[in-house]
Every structure is written in structure tokens, then in C-alpha cells.
Amino acid sequence: MHPYTEEEQTDNMQRPEPRVKLALAFFAFIIVGANDGALGVVLPGIQAHYNADKATIGLLFLCSTVGYLGGSFNNGLLLEKLGRHRFLMLGALAFVLGVSILCLMPPFPVLLASYSLLGLGVALLDPGLNTYIASLPRNASLLNYLHAFYGAGAWLGPLLASAFLALQWGWNGVYVTWGALGALALIGFGIFFREQTGQMTEEEEEKQVASGGNVLWMALRLRVVWLAALFLLFYVGAEVSLGNWSFSFLTEERHGSVLFSGWMVSGYWLGLTLGRVALAQAAERLGNRSLIQLCMIGVVLGLSLIWFVPLQLIAAAGLLLTGFCLGPIFPTTIALMPGLVPARLVPSAIGFLASLSAVGGSFFPWLAGDLAERAGLWTLLPFVIALTGGMLALWLALQPHEVKKA
């Protein structure tokens, strides 16, 4: 794919079509977020329908993760071979097929396969759209908006799913809705993401052939890719661990009320979304690196408020502040990648970052739960602060790296 110059990108952003592409990317992230957010609401219905225990139902998460990892590790090669247009259509098609099978309430083995297909679809849409937005001017602010729309979807998903269940439409009715919305995204990708560039010149073709090779392997040979991926592994581990276990900490360790504790956790996720919206422009004024450093300081301050001041209102403010400061870190790190790796390797690098961060989102919450089981829920906050310390160490290791030209 031919990289645009900064002047061409700025001119393109003035035309209506790129704005439609942005809107379509935001819409797709709302759908992905809604699907992720609604899973906890529909899970009891799925468990009851298949008469399965919690360990068996846990296979859904495993299959979804397997599909996601399989897609993420190959997205750089697929994007290079298919082009952005067909690549995004493939991701949307896998998503739509996955939720369409779920609508039919198939036999359990088929259900597991459909979750793998769903994970594959998300694995293509996530890095594909991140890579597209990362190639645009003002990418840091736009990426923060993109992930804010994911947060909005994750907030709306449980509300819609709960309403469907209250109307007795069944858990599969939720997936009918996701399928319809996903089909709209698929049509949009087919229409608006068609390649508009002309044929490559002979010189460009020779240059692309000369730079051939396995793009994933080439990306993994770069130290900066590993540092950024490990940084996001710790980040997602901290984000998900706090989000998953803070309710138990507040109710069991601090003996807070169930209702108020639920609102406090909701405030954490709301803060995550608001941080991405409110601080999107700050990346342009402060710079991506300065913004991430300030955010990590804010995270430690928020966690310290929760840990050392055992008052509910202070803990609520601490959770909101922690979520607010955590929010911009992931998209702003993604925005750094086009300046750290050659343009041809950006999709593979972002895909690897997404894959390793998904591992962090699975492993560290498990580890937090294991620590809580062995030593008590009080370990949650020092555990998350330790993860933030790991992020800081990796961030400092990233600093010497210079911008690499495409």
C-alpha cells in the first residue's frame, strides 16, 4: 500500500469521504465494545440454555482468545496481501458470521467454534482500524476518540442486553442486533474503503519486492516492538485487574454497599472513556510521550487514594481518577508506532501489541485473583501499583528509541 505524505493526508482529511471512513471506524468500535460489554449479561442465559457449569462456559473465553490471537499474529501479512479494503471486509464478515451462528443457538461445540470466529473478526477489525487511524494526521487524538467509542459501546452493551432480556427476547436476540449492525459495517467497508490510489509505478513495485519477507518476523526482530508490547501487556493487565476485582475489593475487603460499590466500578469505566475523550487533544499540545508519563503519575495517585484513604467517597474519586488517567495510555502508545517502526511493519507491530496486551488481560487478572485467594483482597491495590511500576520501567526503556523513517 502506498504511504501518503503528510500534505496528502491533510488534504484527504478535508474531503467528505475520509470523514465517512472515520465515522465508520468509530461505529465498528462501538459494535465491538457493545459485544464485549454485553457478554457478562448474556452469559447466565447461555449457561442455563446449555446446562453447563462455569468451568465449561469458561471455554467460550478460551476459544475467543484463540481466535483473536490467530488473527492478530497474521494480520500484517493479510493486510499486505489483501489491502485495507478486503482486510476490513474479511474482519467484518468473520464477525457477522460468528454472531449469526450464535443467533441460531447451535450445539455447544459449534457455539465454541463461533466464538473463535468472532474472536478472529475482532482481531482483524481492531488492528486494521487502529493502523488506518494511526496513518492519519492528528493520529493520537483520533486514536483516543476511536477507543473512547469502544468504551461507549462497552457501556451501552450491557444496557441493551439487559433490556432485551427484560423483554424476554432471549440471549440470542442480542446477537441478532450485533449481526444487523455488523452487516451495516461490512457494507460500509465495502463501499467506502475501496482503494482510491492508482497503480504503483515500476520503481515502487521493485522497492516493495526488494523489501519482501515475513512482515511479522521482521517486526518481531525490532527491540522497540517488544518493549511497546510488554508495556501494553502490563497496562492491560492493570486496567482489567482493577476493573474485574475492584467490586469484590470494595464489598468484601472494605464492606461497602453493593449498590454504591457497583456505581464506583461503573465510574472507573466511565473515567476510562472520559479520559480518552478529554485528553485526546492534550496529546497534540503536550506530545504523546509527555501525556503518557503524566497519565502514569495520575494512575499511581488514584490508586494511592483508594489504598491509603479508606473512605467510600475518596475511593470513588480515586477509581474515577485512575480510570481517567489509564484511558489515553493504550491508544496513545499505538499512535507512537508509525514513528518507531518502518511503515510496512506498522500493521504487524500493532497486531503484535494487541495480541500481547490480550494475554495481559487474561493472565494478570487471574494472578490477581490467585493472590486474593491466598493472601486476601487487600493485595489488589499493591498488585496494580506493581504493574504500573513495570509499565514505568518499560516506558523508560522505550525513551532512547528514535523515529524510524518508512
Protein backbone atom coordinates (compact mmCIF):
# COMPACT_ATOMS: atom_id res chain seq x y z
CA MET A 1 0.00 0.00 0.00
CA HIS A 2 1.38 3.38 -0.99
CA PRO A 3 2.00 5.62 2.07
CA TYR A 4 0.65 9.15 1.74
CA THR A 5 2.78 12.19 2.51
CA GLU A 6 1.66 14.42 5.38
CA GLU A 7 0.40 17.03 2.89
CA GLU A 8 -1.66 14.41 1.05
CA GLN A 9 -3.09 13.14 4.33
CA THR A 10 -4.10 16.64 5.41
CA ASP A 11 -5.76 17.30 2.04
CA ASN A 12 -7.56 13.96 2.21
CA MET A 13 -8.94 14.77 5.67
CA GLN A 14 -10.63 17.86 4.23
CA ARG A 15 -12.75 15.75 1.86
CA PRO A 16 -16.05 14.17 2.98
CA GLU A 17 -15.01 10.58 2.22
CA PRO A 18 -12.27 10.27 4.89
CA ARG A 19 -14.74 11.67 7.41
CA VAL A 20 -17.14 8.90 6.47
CA LYS A 21 -14.31 6.39 6.93
CA LEU A 22 -13.63 7.80 10.39
CA ALA A 23 -17.30 7.62 11.31
CA LEU A 24 -17.41 4.03 10.06
CA ALA A 25 -14.33 3.13 12.15
CA PHE A 26 -15.94 4.68 15.24
CA PHE A 27 -19.19 2.81 14.50
CA ALA A 28 -17.34 -0.51 14.19
CA PHE A 29 -15.61 0.06 17.54
CA ILE A 30 -18.96 0.77 19.19
CA ILE A 31 -20.18 -2.64 17.93
CA VAL A 32 -17.05 -4.44 19.16
CA GLY A 33 -17.29 -2.70 22.54
CA ALA A 34 -21.01 -3.46 22.86
CA ASN A 35 -20.37 -7.14 22.10
CA ASP A 36 -17.61 -7.33 24.74
CA GLY A 37 -19.59 -5.40 27.33
CA ALA A 38 -22.78 -7.44 26.89
CA LEU A 39 -21.13 -10.83 27.32
CA GLY A 40 -21.36 -10.76 31.11
CA VAL A 41 -25.10 -10.08 30.88
CA VAL A 42 -25.92 -12.85 28.40
CA LEU A 43 -23.56 -15.41 29.97
CA PRO A 44 -26.07 -16.70 32.58
CA GLY A 45 -28.62 -17.25 29.80
CA ILE A 46 -26.10 -19.19 27.72
CA GLN A 47 -25.11 -21.25 30.76
CA ALA A 48 -28.75 -22.08 31.52
CA HIS A 49 -29.57 -22.92 27.88
CA TYR A 50 -26.69 -25.41 27.60
CA ASN A 51 -26.97 -26.58 31.22
CA ALA A 52 -23.21 -26.02 31.59
CA ASP A 53 -21.12 -25.28 34.66
CA LYS A 54 -18.83 -22.26 35.00
CA ALA A 55 -15.70 -24.21 34.01
CA THR A 56 -17.35 -25.38 30.78
CA ILE A 57 -18.69 -21.91 29.98
CA GLY A 58 -15.15 -20.61 30.53
CA LEU A 59 -14.23 -22.39 27.29
CA LEU A 60 -16.02 -19.54 25.48
CA PHE A 61 -13.32 -17.13 26.63
CA LEU A 62 -10.58 -19.57 25.67
CA CYS A 63 -11.96 -20.07 22.15
CA SER A 64 -12.48 -16.35 21.66
CA THR A 65 -8.88 -15.68 22.76
CA VAL A 66 -7.54 -18.41 20.44
CA GLY A 67 -9.39 -16.86 17.51
CA TYR A 68 -8.15 -13.41 18.44
CA LEU A 69 -4.53 -14.47 18.77
CA GLY A 70 -4.66 -16.40 15.49
CA GLY A 71 -5.95 -13.34 13.68
CA SER A 72 -3.60 -10.88 15.37
CA PHE A 73 -0.41 -12.78 14.58
CA ASN A 74 -1.31 -12.94 10.87
CA ASN A 75 -2.94 -9.58 10.31
CA GLY A 76 0.22 -7.88 9.00
CA LEU A 77 0.64 -10.44 6.22
CA LEU A 78 -3.11 -10.47 5.45
CA LEU A 79 -3.28 -6.68 5.31
CA GLU A 80 -0.32 -6.56 2.93
CA LYS A 81 -1.78 -9.26 0.66
CA LEU A 82 -5.43 -8.20 0.69
CA GLY A 83 -5.18 -4.44 1.05
CA ARG A 84 -7.11 -2.48 3.69
CA HIS A 85 -10.42 -2.71 1.82
CA ARG A 86 -10.63 -6.51 1.64
CA PHE A 87 -8.90 -6.93 5.01
CA LEU A 88 -11.57 -4.92 6.87
CA MET A 89 -14.33 -6.64 4.92
CA LEU A 90 -12.89 -10.02 5.96
CA GLY A 91 -12.86 -8.94 9.61
CA ALA A 92 -16.45 -7.67 9.46
CA LEU A 93 -17.56 -10.82 7.62
CA ALA A 94 -15.99 -13.09 10.28
CA PHE A 95 -17.71 -11.04 12.99
CA VAL A 96 -21.10 -11.19 11.27
CA LEU A 97 -20.81 -14.93 10.60
CA GLY A 98 -19.80 -15.56 14.21
CA VAL A 99 -22.77 -13.70 15.73
CA SER A 100 -25.15 -15.11 13.09
CA ILE A 101 -24.30 -18.65 14.20
CA LEU A 102 -24.87 -17.62 17.83
CA CYS A 103 -28.33 -16.33 16.90
CA LEU A 104 -29.30 -19.92 15.98
CA MET A 105 -28.32 -21.29 19.44
CA PRO A 106 -26.31 -24.13 17.83
CA PRO A 107 -24.91 -27.25 19.56
CA PHE A 108 -22.25 -26.39 22.12
CA PRO A 109 -19.20 -27.43 20.01
CA VAL A 110 -20.47 -25.19 17.20
CA LEU A 111 -21.03 -22.42 19.74
CA LEU A 112 -17.35 -22.67 20.71
CA ALA A 113 -16.29 -22.53 17.06
CA SER A 114 -18.47 -19.45 16.52
CA TYR A 115 -16.71 -17.69 19.40
CA SER A 116 -13.37 -18.44 17.75
CA LEU A 117 -14.73 -16.92 14.53
CA LEU A 118 -15.95 -13.91 16.48
CA GLY A 119 -12.52 -13.51 18.07
CA LEU A 120 -10.92 -13.70 14.63
CA GLY A 121 -13.21 -10.95 13.33
CA VAL A 122 -12.36 -8.64 16.22
CA ALA A 123 -8.65 -9.44 15.77
CA LEU A 124 -8.81 -8.16 12.20
CA LEU A 125 -11.03 -5.14 12.83
CA ASP A 126 -9.10 -3.94 15.88
CA PRO A 127 -5.57 -3.63 14.41
CA GLY A 128 -6.93 -2.88 10.93
CA LEU A 129 -8.78 0.23 12.11
CA ASN A 130 -6.01 1.18 14.56
CA THR A 131 -3.50 1.02 11.72
CA TYR A 132 -5.71 3.11 9.43
CA ILE A 133 -6.20 5.85 12.04
CA ALA A 134 -2.52 5.72 13.02
CA SER A 135 -1.67 6.61 9.40
CA LEU A 136 -3.69 9.85 9.56
CA PRO A 137 -2.61 13.29 10.79
CA ARG A 138 -3.55 14.03 14.41
CA ASN A 139 -3.42 10.28 14.96
CA ALA A 140 -3.03 10.43 18.75
CA SER A 141 -6.25 12.37 19.30
CA LEU A 142 -8.15 10.32 16.69
CA LEU A 143 -6.97 7.03 18.25
CA ASN A 144 -8.14 8.24 21.66
CA TYR A 145 -11.55 9.04 20.15
CA LEU A 146 -11.61 5.60 18.49
CA HIS A 147 -11.02 3.82 21.80
CA ALA A 148 -13.47 6.14 23.55
CA PHE A 149 -16.15 4.84 21.17
CA TYR A 150 -15.18 1.30 22.20
CA GLY A 151 -15.73 2.37 25.81
CA ALA A 152 -19.09 3.88 24.90
CA GLY A 153 -20.05 0.59 23.25
CA ALA A 154 -18.90 -1.39 26.30
CA TRP A 155 -21.10 0.87 28.43
CA LEU A 156 -24.14 0.61 26.13
CA GLY A 157 -23.84 -3.14 25.52
CA PRO A 158 -24.95 -4.28 28.99
CA LEU A 159 -27.82 -1.78 28.97
CA LEU A 160 -29.14 -3.06 25.63
CA ALA A 161 -28.63 -6.69 26.59
CA SER A 162 -30.45 -6.17 29.90
CA ALA A 163 -33.34 -4.51 28.08
CA PHE A 164 -33.58 -7.43 25.63
CA LEU A 165 -33.64 -9.94 28.47
CA ALA A 166 -36.25 -7.88 30.34
CA LEU A 167 -38.42 -8.03 27.21
CA GLN A 168 -37.85 -11.81 27.20
CA TRP A 169 -36.31 -11.77 23.72
CA GLY A 170 -33.70 -14.30 24.81
CA TRP A 171 -29.91 -14.06 24.91
CA ASN A 172 -29.65 -14.83 21.20
CA GLY A 173 -31.74 -11.74 20.42
CA VAL A 174 -28.74 -9.67 21.48
CA TYR A 175 -26.64 -11.34 18.79
CA VAL A 176 -29.33 -10.67 16.18
CA THR A 177 -28.76 -6.97 16.87
CA TRP A 178 -24.97 -7.26 16.70
CA GLY A 179 -25.32 -9.18 13.42
CA ALA A 180 -27.50 -6.45 11.88
CA LEU A 181 -25.13 -3.69 12.97
CA GLY A 182 -22.12 -5.72 11.82
CA ALA A 183 -23.72 -6.18 8.40
CA LEU A 184 -24.03 -2.39 8.09
CA ALA A 185 -20.33 -2.04 8.92
CA LEU A 186 -19.48 -4.74 6.35
CA ILE A 187 -21.40 -2.87 3.64
CA GLY A 188 -19.75 0.39 4.68
CA PHE A 189 -16.26 -1.10 4.44
CA GLY A 190 -17.15 -2.48 1.02
CA ILE A 191 -18.27 0.92 -0.27
CA PHE A 192 -16.05 3.49 1.41
CA PHE A 193 -12.73 1.72 1.89
CA ARG A 194 -12.15 0.86 -1.75
CA GLU A 195 -8.59 1.67 -2.78
CA GLN A 196 -8.51 5.08 -4.41
CA THR A 197 -4.85 5.09 -5.35
CA GLY A 198 -3.71 4.28 -8.86
CA GLN A 199 -1.28 1.56 -9.92
CA MET A 200 2.17 1.62 -8.34
CA THR A 201 4.99 2.80 -10.51
CA GLU A 202 7.60 0.29 -11.65
CA GLU A 203 10.08 1.80 -9.19
CA GLU A 204 7.61 1.36 -6.28
CA GLU A 205 6.92 -2.25 -7.28
CA GLU A 206 10.66 -3.02 -7.38
CA LYS A 207 11.10 -1.40 -3.97
CA GLN A 208 8.26 -3.49 -2.47
CA VAL A 209 9.69 -6.71 -3.90
CA ALA A 210 13.13 -5.84 -2.58
CA SER A 211 11.70 -5.31 0.89
CA GLY A 212 9.93 -8.68 0.83
CA GLY A 213 9.91 -11.09 3.73
CA ASN A 214 7.69 -12.17 6.56
CA VAL A 215 6.47 -8.86 7.94
CA LEU A 216 5.60 -10.32 11.35
CA TRP A 217 9.08 -11.83 11.73
CA MET A 218 10.66 -8.56 10.63
CA ALA A 219 8.58 -6.64 13.19
CA LEU A 220 9.48 -9.08 15.97
CA ARG A 221 13.18 -8.54 15.30
CA LEU A 222 12.80 -4.92 16.46
CA ARG A 223 13.51 -4.34 20.14
CA VAL A 224 11.15 -1.37 20.26
CA VAL A 225 8.21 -3.60 19.25
CA TRP A 226 8.86 -5.95 22.18
CA LEU A 227 9.25 -3.06 24.63
CA ALA A 228 5.99 -1.44 23.49
CA ALA A 229 4.17 -4.80 23.52
CA LEU A 230 5.36 -5.63 27.05
CA PHE A 231 4.41 -2.10 28.12
CA LEU A 232 0.83 -2.70 26.90
CA LEU A 233 0.83 -6.20 28.40
CA PHE A 234 1.35 -4.61 31.83
CA TYR A 235 -1.08 -1.80 31.02
CA VAL A 236 -4.00 -4.05 30.04
CA GLY A 237 -3.18 -6.32 32.99
CA ALA A 238 -3.51 -3.34 35.35
CA GLU A 239 -6.65 -1.99 33.66
CA VAL A 240 -8.55 -5.29 33.59
CA SER A 241 -7.35 -6.50 37.01
CA LEU A 242 -8.62 -3.33 38.68
CA GLY A 243 -11.85 -3.37 36.67
CA ASN A 244 -12.58 -7.05 37.38
CA TRP A 245 -11.64 -7.21 41.07
CA SER A 246 -12.40 -3.74 42.44
CA PHE A 247 -16.06 -4.60 43.13
CA SER A 248 -15.02 -7.62 45.23
CA PHE A 249 -12.40 -5.47 46.99
CA LEU A 250 -14.93 -2.76 47.82
CA THR A 251 -17.67 -5.11 49.03
CA GLU A 252 -15.65 -7.82 50.78
CA GLU A 253 -12.49 -6.05 51.97
CA ARG A 254 -13.96 -2.58 52.59
CA HIS A 255 -17.51 -3.84 53.37
CA GLY A 256 -19.14 -1.27 51.09
CA SER A 257 -22.74 -1.48 49.94
CA VAL A 258 -23.38 -3.49 46.81
CA LEU A 259 -25.20 -0.64 45.05
CA PHE A 260 -22.68 2.11 45.78
CA SER A 261 -19.74 -0.19 45.05
CA GLY A 262 -21.32 -1.02 41.68
CA TRP A 263 -21.62 2.69 40.91
CA MET A 264 -17.97 3.19 41.87
CA VAL A 265 -16.82 0.48 39.46
CA SER A 266 -19.06 1.96 36.77
CA GLY A 267 -17.37 5.30 37.48
CA TYR A 268 -13.99 3.67 36.85
CA TRP A 269 -15.04 2.53 33.36
CA LEU A 270 -16.72 5.88 32.70
CA GLY A 271 -13.49 7.62 33.71
CA LEU A 272 -11.59 5.41 31.25
CA THR A 273 -13.82 6.62 28.41
CA LEU A 274 -13.87 10.26 29.53
CA GLY A 275 -10.07 10.27 29.78
CA ARG A 276 -9.78 9.25 26.15
CA VAL A 277 -12.15 12.00 25.06
CA ALA A 278 -10.91 14.78 27.34
CA LEU A 279 -7.18 14.12 26.86
CA ALA A 280 -7.32 13.42 23.12
CA GLN A 281 -6.31 16.99 22.28
CA ALA A 282 -3.73 17.10 25.07
CA ALA A 283 -1.54 14.67 23.12
CA GLU A 284 -1.10 17.32 20.42
CA ARG A 285 -0.18 20.06 22.88
CA LEU A 286 1.99 18.06 25.29
CA GLY A 287 3.29 15.38 22.94
CA ASN A 288 2.48 11.67 23.12
CA ARG A 289 5.36 10.79 25.43
CA SER A 290 4.67 13.57 27.96
CA LEU A 291 0.97 12.66 28.05
CA ILE A 292 1.71 9.01 28.85
CA GLN A 293 4.13 10.00 31.63
CA LEU A 294 1.57 12.34 33.23
CA CYS A 295 -1.09 9.65 32.95
CA MET A 296 1.07 7.10 34.80
CA ILE A 297 1.64 9.61 37.61
CA GLY A 298 -2.14 10.12 37.79
CA VAL A 299 -2.70 6.35 37.96
CA VAL A 300 -0.35 5.98 40.95
CA LEU A 301 -2.02 8.96 42.66
CA GLY A 302 -5.51 7.50 42.11
CA LEU A 303 -4.52 4.06 43.39
CA SER A 304 -2.83 5.62 46.43
CA LEU A 305 -6.04 7.49 47.31
CA ILE A 306 -8.01 4.21 47.24
CA TRP A 307 -5.36 2.31 49.21
CA PHE A 308 -4.42 4.78 51.95
CA VAL A 309 -7.73 6.64 52.50
CA PRO A 310 -10.40 4.02 53.31
CA LEU A 311 -13.41 6.28 52.76
CA GLN A 312 -16.00 5.44 50.11
CA LEU A 313 -16.19 8.89 48.54
CA ILE A 314 -12.39 9.15 48.38
CA ALA A 315 -12.21 5.63 46.88
CA ALA A 316 -14.84 6.62 44.31
CA ALA A 317 -12.78 9.68 43.34
CA GLY A 318 -9.63 7.55 43.24
CA LEU A 319 -11.23 4.99 40.92
CA LEU A 320 -12.54 7.74 38.65
CA LEU A 321 -9.09 9.40 38.54
CA THR A 322 -7.35 6.06 37.89
CA GLY A 323 -9.69 5.22 35.02
CA PHE A 324 -9.39 8.76 33.62
CA CYS A 325 -5.59 8.54 33.56
CA LEU A 326 -5.43 4.95 32.30
CA GLY A 327 -7.74 5.70 29.37
CA PRO A 328 -5.38 7.51 26.95
CA ILE A 329 -2.35 5.24 27.52
CA PHE A 330 -3.27 2.40 25.12
CA PRO A 331 -4.35 4.48 22.07
CA THR A 332 -1.51 6.98 22.56
CA THR A 333 1.03 4.14 22.61
CA ILE A 334 -0.45 2.81 19.37
CA ALA A 335 -0.08 6.33 17.91
CA LEU A 336 3.67 6.19 18.60
CA MET A 337 4.26 3.11 16.44
CA PRO A 338 4.31 4.75 12.97
CA GLY A 339 7.20 6.88 14.23
CA LEU A 340 9.12 3.94 15.71
CA VAL A 341 8.95 1.24 13.01
CA PRO A 342 9.05 1.28 9.18
CA ALA A 343 5.63 1.89 7.58
CA ARG A 344 5.46 -1.61 6.05
CA LEU A 345 5.79 -3.19 9.52
CA VAL A 346 3.25 -0.98 11.32
CA PRO A 347 0.25 -3.37 10.86
CA SER A 348 2.23 -6.36 12.13
CA ALA A 349 3.67 -4.34 15.02
CA ILE A 350 0.22 -3.09 16.07
CA GLY A 351 -1.20 -6.60 15.70
CA PHE A 352 1.52 -8.00 17.95
CA LEU A 353 0.92 -5.24 20.50
CA ALA A 354 -2.79 -6.10 20.51
CA SER A 355 -2.06 -9.82 20.88
CA LEU A 356 0.33 -9.48 23.80
CA SER A 357 -1.95 -6.97 25.52
CA ALA A 358 -4.78 -9.54 25.25
CA VAL A 359 -2.53 -12.04 27.04
CA GLY A 360 -2.01 -9.47 29.80
CA GLY A 361 -5.77 -9.01 30.06
CA SER A 362 -6.14 -12.74 30.72
CA PHE A 363 -3.06 -13.61 32.80
CA PHE A 364 -2.79 -10.73 35.27
CA PRO A 365 -6.47 -10.74 36.39
CA TRP A 366 -6.07 -14.49 37.03
CA LEU A 367 -2.90 -13.80 39.01
CA ALA A 368 -4.68 -11.04 40.97
CA GLY A 369 -7.47 -13.49 41.83
CA ASP A 370 -4.96 -16.14 42.89
CA LEU A 371 -3.18 -13.65 45.17
CA ALA A 372 -6.52 -12.56 46.62
CA GLU A 373 -7.43 -16.18 47.33
CA ARG A 374 -4.13 -16.90 49.06
CA ALA A 375 -3.39 -13.62 50.87
CA GLY A 376 -6.60 -11.58 50.78
CA LEU A 377 -8.21 -8.94 48.58
CA TRP A 378 -6.06 -6.21 50.15
CA THR A 379 -3.33 -7.33 47.71
CA LEU A 380 -5.26 -5.88 44.72
CA LEU A 381 -4.01 -2.30 45.04
CA PRO A 382 -0.30 -3.05 45.65
CA PHE A 383 -0.54 -5.57 42.81
CA VAL A 384 -1.87 -2.96 40.36
CA ILE A 385 0.68 -0.41 41.59
CA ALA A 386 3.42 -3.00 40.94
CA LEU A 387 2.11 -3.44 37.39
CA THR A 388 2.22 0.34 36.96
CA GLY A 389 5.83 0.25 38.16
CA GLY A 390 6.56 -2.36 35.50
CA MET A 391 4.96 -0.06 32.92
CA LEU A 392 7.18 2.81 34.07
CA ALA A 393 10.34 0.70 33.76
CA LEU A 394 9.41 -0.39 30.24
CA TRP A 395 8.47 3.17 29.33
CA LEU A 396 11.89 4.42 30.40
CA ALA A 397 13.49 1.69 28.27
CA LEU A 398 11.49 2.96 25.28
CA GLN A 399 12.79 6.53 25.56
CA PRO A 400 16.14 6.22 23.70
CA HIS A 401 14.48 4.95 20.53
CA GLU A 402 14.43 7.40 17.66
CA VAL A 403 11.82 7.80 15.00
CA LYS A 404 12.32 5.41 12.08
CA LYS A 405 11.53 6.51 8.56
CA ALA A 406 9.38 4.39 6.28
